Each structure stands twice: as structure tokens, then as C-alpha cells.
Amino acid sequence: MDVKPLGSNQTMVSMGGVSVLYSYAVPVAAIMNNSHKAFKTDHKWSSTTSKHINKFVKGFEVVEVSQETMDDWKKAFIVR
């Protein structure tokens, strides 16, 4: 697992070919590193978080998914 701060209250966690953007402790976008697909939450966050999400997924084919799906992906990153 690789954890990389991207800016104030923004963190990217990468593991198993997936990079997930967190705003504070909430997963809001993900990129499948071996494809040209990105996923972003359909939840409407602040304008600042929305800018961070759009910057993160720029250049990728973007699919909106529910925040519940993003939260499920967060659970997959929990190391036990």
C-alpha cells in the first residue's frame, strides 16, 4: 500500500492497481491504474472537493458511482 499526500486534506492511497483519492477520510474518486477508467462519487461535496476530484480524474474516462460504492472500496483497503 502506498499513501501519498496530494495537498491540504487530500490523500491518494494506491494498492493492487487501484488509486483512491480521499478528501479528509472520505473516498471520493478512484483510478484503475491499468486502464483508462476513473470513478467518482455521485455525492455532491463542496466546490473545493469537486475541483480536487475533477483534477484527479482528468484525462480518464469517468464513471459516476454511488458514495456507498466508494465507501465499499474504502473497506477493501483496510489491512487486517
C-alpha atoms as a PDB file:
ATOM      1  CA  MET A   1       0.000   0.000   0.000  1.00  0.00           C
ATOM      2  CA  ASP A   2       1.277   3.437  -0.937  1.00  0.00           C
ATOM      3  CA  VAL A   3      -0.074   6.572   0.773  1.00  0.00           C
ATOM      4  CA  LYS A   4       0.715   9.925  -0.829  1.00  0.00           C
ATOM      5  CA  PRO A   5      -0.488  13.336   0.379  1.00  0.00           C
ATOM      6  CA  LEU A   6      -1.623  15.424  -2.605  1.00  0.00           C
ATOM      7  CA  GLY A   7      -2.493  18.633  -0.794  1.00  0.00           C
ATOM      8  CA  SER A   8      -4.432  20.019   2.096  1.00  0.00           C
ATOM      9  CA  ASN A   9      -6.883  17.315   3.214  1.00  0.00           C
ATOM     10  CA  GLN A  10      -6.226  15.259   0.045  1.00  0.00           C
ATOM     11  CA  THR A  11      -4.577  11.860   0.077  1.00  0.00           C
ATOM     12  CA  MET A  12      -4.084   9.189  -2.561  1.00  0.00           C
ATOM     13  CA  VAL A  13      -3.928   5.568  -1.450  1.00  0.00           C
ATOM     14  CA  SER A  14      -2.705   3.050  -4.040  1.00  0.00           C
ATOM     15  CA  MET A  15      -2.883  -0.709  -3.762  1.00  0.00           C
ATOM     16  CA  GLY A  16      -3.494  -3.602  -6.110  1.00  0.00           C
ATOM     17  CA  GLY A  17      -3.676  -1.497  -9.263  1.00  0.00           C
ATOM     18  CA  VAL A  18      -6.187   0.991  -7.865  1.00  0.00           C
ATOM     19  CA  SER A  19      -5.535   4.542  -6.670  1.00  0.00           C
ATOM     20  CA  VAL A  20      -8.192   6.134  -4.479  1.00  0.00           C
ATOM     21  CA  LEU A  21      -8.484   9.846  -3.744  1.00  0.00           C
ATOM     22  CA  TYR A  22      -9.561  10.685  -0.204  1.00  0.00           C
ATOM     23  CA  SER A  23     -10.873  14.059   0.862  1.00  0.00           C
ATOM     24  CA  TYR A  24     -10.333  14.122   4.602  1.00  0.00           C
ATOM     25  CA  ALA A  25     -11.133  10.447   5.402  1.00  0.00           C
ATOM     26  CA  VAL A  26     -13.759  10.004   2.685  1.00  0.00           C
ATOM     27  CA  PRO A  27     -13.015   8.206  -0.601  1.00  0.00           C
ATOM     28  CA  VAL A  28     -14.311  10.383  -3.439  1.00  0.00           C
ATOM     29  CA  ALA A  29     -12.641   9.067  -6.620  1.00  0.00           C
ATOM     30  CA  ALA A  30     -10.646   6.100  -7.902  1.00  0.00           C
ATOM     31  CA  ILE A  31      -8.466   5.296 -10.892  1.00  0.00           C
ATOM     32  CA  MET A  32      -7.874   1.819 -12.249  1.00  0.00           C
ATOM     33  CA  ASN A  33      -4.154   2.109 -12.992  1.00  0.00           C
ATOM     34  CA  ASN A  34      -4.072  -0.493 -15.769  1.00  0.00           C
ATOM     35  CA  SER A  35      -6.961   1.016 -17.745  1.00  0.00           C
ATOM     36  CA  HIS A  36      -8.139   4.418 -18.822  1.00  0.00           C
ATOM     37  CA  LYS A  37     -11.097   4.393 -16.401  1.00  0.00           C
ATOM     38  CA  ALA A  38     -11.759   6.521 -13.377  1.00  0.00           C
ATOM     39  CA  PHE A  39     -14.663   6.551 -10.985  1.00  0.00           C
ATOM     40  CA  LYS A  40     -16.015   9.441  -8.987  1.00  0.00           C
ATOM     41  CA  THR A  41     -18.713   9.725  -6.392  1.00  0.00           C
ATOM     42  CA  ASP A  42     -22.134  10.967  -7.377  1.00  0.00           C
ATOM     43  CA  HIS A  43     -22.404  12.703  -3.992  1.00  0.00           C
ATOM     44  CA  LYS A  44     -22.222  16.490  -4.190  1.00  0.00           C
ATOM     45  CA  TRP A  45     -19.396  17.722  -1.977  1.00  0.00           C
ATOM     46  CA  SER A  46     -18.022  21.247  -1.615  1.00  0.00           C
ATOM     47  CA  SER A  47     -16.783  23.133  -4.658  1.00  0.00           C
ATOM     48  CA  THR A  48     -13.193  22.654  -3.460  1.00  0.00           C
ATOM     49  CA  THR A  49     -13.579  18.881  -3.138  1.00  0.00           C
ATOM     50  CA  SER A  50     -15.263  18.789  -6.549  1.00  0.00           C
ATOM     51  CA  LYS A  51     -12.259  20.610  -8.053  1.00  0.00           C
ATOM     52  CA  HIS A  52      -9.896  18.088  -6.428  1.00  0.00           C
ATOM     53  CA  ILE A  53     -11.942  15.189  -7.809  1.00  0.00           C
ATOM     54  CA  ASN A  54     -12.026  16.642 -11.331  1.00  0.00           C
ATOM     55  CA  LYS A  55      -8.278  17.270 -11.283  1.00  0.00           C
ATOM     56  CA  PHE A  56      -7.635  13.702 -10.090  1.00  0.00           C
ATOM     57  CA  VAL A  57      -9.715  12.067 -12.857  1.00  0.00           C
ATOM     58  CA  LYS A  58      -8.755  14.465 -15.658  1.00  0.00           C
ATOM     59  CA  GLY A  59      -7.852  12.639 -18.852  1.00  0.00           C
ATOM     60  CA  PHE A  60      -9.678   9.451 -17.900  1.00  0.00           C
ATOM     61  CA  GLU A  61     -12.992   8.006 -18.996  1.00  0.00           C
ATOM     62  CA  VAL A  62     -15.069   8.857 -15.909  1.00  0.00           C
ATOM     63  CA  VAL A  63     -17.939   6.827 -14.494  1.00  0.00           C
ATOM     64  CA  GLU A  64     -20.048   8.140 -11.623  1.00  0.00           C
ATOM     65  CA  VAL A  65     -20.744   5.667  -8.838  1.00  0.00           C
ATOM     66  CA  SER A  66     -22.668   5.969  -5.601  1.00  0.00           C
ATOM     67  CA  GLN A  67     -20.933   7.136  -2.447  1.00  0.00           C
ATOM     68  CA  GLU A  68     -21.882   3.750  -0.999  1.00  0.00           C
ATOM     69  CA  THR A  69     -19.745   2.076  -3.682  1.00  0.00           C
ATOM     70  CA  MET A  70     -16.836   4.387  -2.870  1.00  0.00           C
ATOM     71  CA  ASP A  71     -17.232   3.533   0.828  1.00  0.00           C
ATOM     72  CA  ASP A  72     -17.170  -0.190  -0.016  1.00  0.00           C
ATOM     73  CA  TRP A  73     -13.872   0.323  -1.850  1.00  0.00           C
ATOM     74  CA  LYS A  74     -12.518   2.046   1.250  1.00  0.00           C
ATOM     75  CA  LYS A  75     -13.288  -1.096   3.247  1.00  0.00           C
ATOM     76  CA  ALA A  76     -11.265  -3.120   0.735  1.00  0.00           C
ATOM     77  CA  PHE A  77      -8.171  -1.072   1.643  1.00  0.00           C
ATOM     78  CA  ILE A  78      -8.351  -1.888   5.331  1.00  0.00           C
ATOM     79  CA  VAL A  79      -5.373  -4.099   6.162  1.00  0.00           C
ATOM     80  CA  ARG A  80      -6.232  -6.820   8.630  1.00  0.00           C
END
